[in-house]
Amino acid sequence: MSTILIANWKNKTLSVNDPNVSLLRLFQNHRLDWMHACGGKGRCTTCKVIVLEGMENFSQVTPAENRYRAMGALQSNERLSCQVRVLGDVTVEVPEEYKLPHITYS
């Protein structure tokens, strides 16, 4: 079983029981509000995470992510939570521009 640590959300830790589920779906399964304007279809970047540790523990970069990287909208240390699967322990954070106003972040 893998874990996800969200560093700037009071070090919230989540367990990954199914590596076939997207990171966004894992957030939803743990009842976390995470921005996703396009409904998790890879058509925007609002669900992105900044990867602090464990980039190698994510699934391969998808065509949607490559498209946003080519446009400069997704940096090399960022992934789209709707596109990526967690295969090992990772540490991420919520980008400042996508923090939700009703959540207290650390």
C-alpha atoms as a PDB file:
ATOM      1  CA  MET A   1       0.000   0.000   0.000  1.00  0.00           C
ATOM      2  CA  SER A   2       1.300   3.444  -0.961  1.00  0.00           C
ATOM      3  CA  THR A   3       0.752   6.781   0.732  1.00  0.00           C
ATOM      4  CA  ILE A   4       0.174  10.310  -0.471  1.00  0.00           C
ATOM      5  CA  LEU A   5       1.329  13.160   1.749  1.00  0.00           C
ATOM      6  CA  ILE A   6      -0.159  16.583   0.967  1.00  0.00           C
ATOM      7  CA  ALA A   7       2.506  18.801   2.532  1.00  0.00           C
ATOM      8  CA  ASN A   8       0.674  22.125   2.539  1.00  0.00           C
ATOM      9  CA  TRP A   9      -2.649  20.684   3.683  1.00  0.00           C
ATOM     10  CA  LYS A  10      -1.531  20.186   7.289  1.00  0.00           C
ATOM     11  CA  ASN A  11       0.517  17.143   6.192  1.00  0.00           C
ATOM     12  CA  LYS A  12      -2.635  15.191   5.350  1.00  0.00           C
ATOM     13  CA  THR A  13      -1.801  11.565   4.564  1.00  0.00           C
ATOM     14  CA  LEU A  14      -3.916   9.310   2.355  1.00  0.00           C
ATOM     15  CA  SER A  15      -3.648   5.579   1.704  1.00  0.00           C
ATOM     16  CA  VAL A  16      -3.647   4.238  -1.841  1.00  0.00           C
ATOM     17  CA  ASN A  17      -5.449   0.912  -2.016  1.00  0.00           C
ATOM     18  CA  ASP A  18      -5.984   0.782  -5.787  1.00  0.00           C
ATOM     19  CA  PRO A  19      -3.153   1.843  -8.142  1.00  0.00           C
ATOM     20  CA  ASN A  20      -5.606   1.874 -11.067  1.00  0.00           C
ATOM     21  CA  VAL A  21      -7.498   4.897  -9.722  1.00  0.00           C
ATOM     22  CA  SER A  22      -6.482   8.435 -10.639  1.00  0.00           C
ATOM     23  CA  LEU A  23      -5.034  10.713  -7.984  1.00  0.00           C
ATOM     24  CA  LEU A  24      -8.074  12.987  -8.343  1.00  0.00           C
ATOM     25  CA  ARG A  25     -10.404  10.037  -7.705  1.00  0.00           C
ATOM     26  CA  LEU A  26      -8.330   9.133  -4.631  1.00  0.00           C
ATOM     27  CA  PHE A  27      -8.801  12.679  -3.334  1.00  0.00           C
ATOM     28  CA  GLN A  28     -12.534  12.359  -3.907  1.00  0.00           C
ATOM     29  CA  ASN A  29     -12.682   8.921  -2.274  1.00  0.00           C
ATOM     30  CA  HIS A  30     -11.090  10.474   0.825  1.00  0.00           C
ATOM     31  CA  ARG A  31     -13.687  13.286   0.720  1.00  0.00           C
ATOM     32  CA  LEU A  32     -11.160  15.999  -0.120  1.00  0.00           C
ATOM     33  CA  ASP A  33     -12.246  18.993  -2.162  1.00  0.00           C
ATOM     34  CA  TRP A  34      -9.726  19.415  -4.986  1.00  0.00           C
ATOM     35  CA  MET A  35     -10.171  21.881  -7.813  1.00  0.00           C
ATOM     36  CA  HIS A  36     -11.066  20.239 -11.143  1.00  0.00           C
ATOM     37  CA  ALA A  37     -12.889  22.627 -13.455  1.00  0.00           C
ATOM     38  CA  CYS A  38     -13.209  20.255 -16.423  1.00  0.00           C
ATOM     39  CA  GLY A  39     -14.543  17.376 -14.360  1.00  0.00           C
ATOM     40  CA  GLY A  40     -11.301  15.403 -14.430  1.00  0.00           C
ATOM     41  CA  LYS A  41     -11.076  14.961 -18.177  1.00  0.00           C
ATOM     42  CA  GLY A  42      -7.574  16.385 -18.799  1.00  0.00           C
ATOM     43  CA  ARG A  43      -8.946  19.503 -20.526  1.00  0.00           C
ATOM     44  CA  CYS A  44      -7.528  22.060 -18.077  1.00  0.00           C
ATOM     45  CA  THR A  45      -4.825  22.293 -15.423  1.00  0.00           C
ATOM     46  CA  THR A  46      -6.885  23.177 -12.357  1.00  0.00           C
ATOM     47  CA  CYS A  47      -6.392  19.752 -10.760  1.00  0.00           C
ATOM     48  CA  LYS A  48      -2.618  19.851 -10.925  1.00  0.00           C
ATOM     49  CA  VAL A  49      -0.379  18.944  -8.027  1.00  0.00           C
ATOM     50  CA  ILE A  50       3.158  20.081  -7.363  1.00  0.00           C
ATOM     51  CA  VAL A  51       5.301  16.997  -6.772  1.00  0.00           C
ATOM     52  CA  LEU A  52       7.818  17.446  -3.962  1.00  0.00           C
ATOM     53  CA  GLU A  53       8.951  13.825  -3.688  1.00  0.00           C
ATOM     54  CA  GLY A  54       8.314  10.559  -5.493  1.00  0.00           C
ATOM     55  CA  MET A  55       7.898  11.693  -9.112  1.00  0.00           C
ATOM     56  CA  GLU A  56       9.124   8.231 -10.123  1.00  0.00           C
ATOM     57  CA  ASN A  57       6.165   6.701  -8.249  1.00  0.00           C
ATOM     58  CA  PHE A  58       3.590   8.104 -10.658  1.00  0.00           C
ATOM     59  CA  SER A  59       2.347   6.541 -13.881  1.00  0.00           C
ATOM     60  CA  GLN A  60       3.748   7.761 -17.198  1.00  0.00           C
ATOM     61  CA  VAL A  61       3.060  11.269 -18.439  1.00  0.00           C
ATOM     62  CA  THR A  62      -0.113  11.291 -20.558  1.00  0.00           C
ATOM     63  CA  PRO A  63      -0.714  13.022 -23.912  1.00  0.00           C
ATOM     64  CA  ALA A  64      -2.868  15.630 -22.142  1.00  0.00           C
ATOM     65  CA  GLU A  65      -0.017  16.426 -19.748  1.00  0.00           C
ATOM     66  CA  ASN A  66       2.476  16.606 -22.628  1.00  0.00           C
ATOM     67  CA  ARG A  67       0.178  19.058 -24.408  1.00  0.00           C
ATOM     68  CA  TYR A  68       0.072  21.361 -21.351  1.00  0.00           C
ATOM     69  CA  ARG A  69       3.816  21.036 -20.841  1.00  0.00           C
ATOM     70  CA  ALA A  70       4.391  22.110 -24.443  1.00  0.00           C
ATOM     71  CA  MET A  71       2.159  25.143 -23.815  1.00  0.00           C
ATOM     72  CA  GLY A  72       4.068  26.022 -20.628  1.00  0.00           C
ATOM     73  CA  ALA A  73       0.996  25.444 -18.440  1.00  0.00           C
ATOM     74  CA  LEU A  74       2.433  22.396 -16.655  1.00  0.00           C
ATOM     75  CA  GLN A  75       5.959  22.385 -15.255  1.00  0.00           C
ATOM     76  CA  SER A  76       8.235  19.337 -15.019  1.00  0.00           C
ATOM     77  CA  ASN A  77       7.511  19.039 -11.280  1.00  0.00           C
ATOM     78  CA  GLU A  78       3.725  19.127 -11.769  1.00  0.00           C
ATOM     79  CA  ARG A  79       1.198  16.467 -12.718  1.00  0.00           C
ATOM     80  CA  LEU A  80      -2.516  16.520 -13.477  1.00  0.00           C
ATOM     81  CA  SER A  81      -4.265  14.624 -10.700  1.00  0.00           C
ATOM     82  CA  CYS A  82      -6.993  13.465 -13.095  1.00  0.00           C
ATOM     83  CA  GLN A  83      -4.432  11.833 -15.372  1.00  0.00           C
ATOM     84  CA  VAL A  84      -1.900  10.279 -13.003  1.00  0.00           C
ATOM     85  CA  ARG A  85      -1.952   7.027 -11.034  1.00  0.00           C
ATOM     86  CA  VAL A  86       0.004   6.591  -7.789  1.00  0.00           C
ATOM     87  CA  LEU A  87       2.325   3.567  -7.811  1.00  0.00           C
ATOM     88  CA  GLY A  88       4.359   4.305  -4.663  1.00  0.00           C
ATOM     89  CA  ASP A  89       4.807   6.870  -1.897  1.00  0.00           C
ATOM     90  CA  VAL A  90       4.581  10.512  -3.001  1.00  0.00           C
ATOM     91  CA  THR A  91       4.596  13.968  -1.441  1.00  0.00           C
ATOM     92  CA  VAL A  92       2.612  16.690  -3.209  1.00  0.00           C
ATOM     93  CA  GLU A  93       1.198  20.114  -2.509  1.00  0.00           C
ATOM     94  CA  VAL A  94      -1.716  22.207  -3.678  1.00  0.00           C
ATOM     95  CA  PRO A  95      -0.624  25.025  -6.033  1.00  0.00           C
ATOM     96  CA  GLU A  96      -1.271  28.449  -4.538  1.00  0.00           C
ATOM     97  CA  GLU A  97      -3.504  29.523  -7.437  1.00  0.00           C
ATOM     98  CA  TYR A  98      -5.838  26.542  -6.994  1.00  0.00           C
ATOM     99  CA  LYS A  99      -6.350  26.592  -3.240  1.00  0.00           C
ATOM    100  CA  LEU A 100     -10.027  26.620  -2.330  1.00  0.00           C
ATOM    101  CA  PRO A 101     -11.262  29.411  -0.035  1.00  0.00           C
ATOM    102  CA  HIS A 102     -13.183  27.171   2.394  1.00  0.00           C
ATOM    103  CA  ILE A 103     -10.144  25.005   3.272  1.00  0.00           C
ATOM    104  CA  THR A 104      -7.475  25.890   5.820  1.00  0.00           C
ATOM    105  CA  TYR A 105      -4.056  25.077   4.376  1.00  0.00           C
ATOM    106  CA  SER A 106      -0.784  25.074   6.299  1.00  0.00           C
END
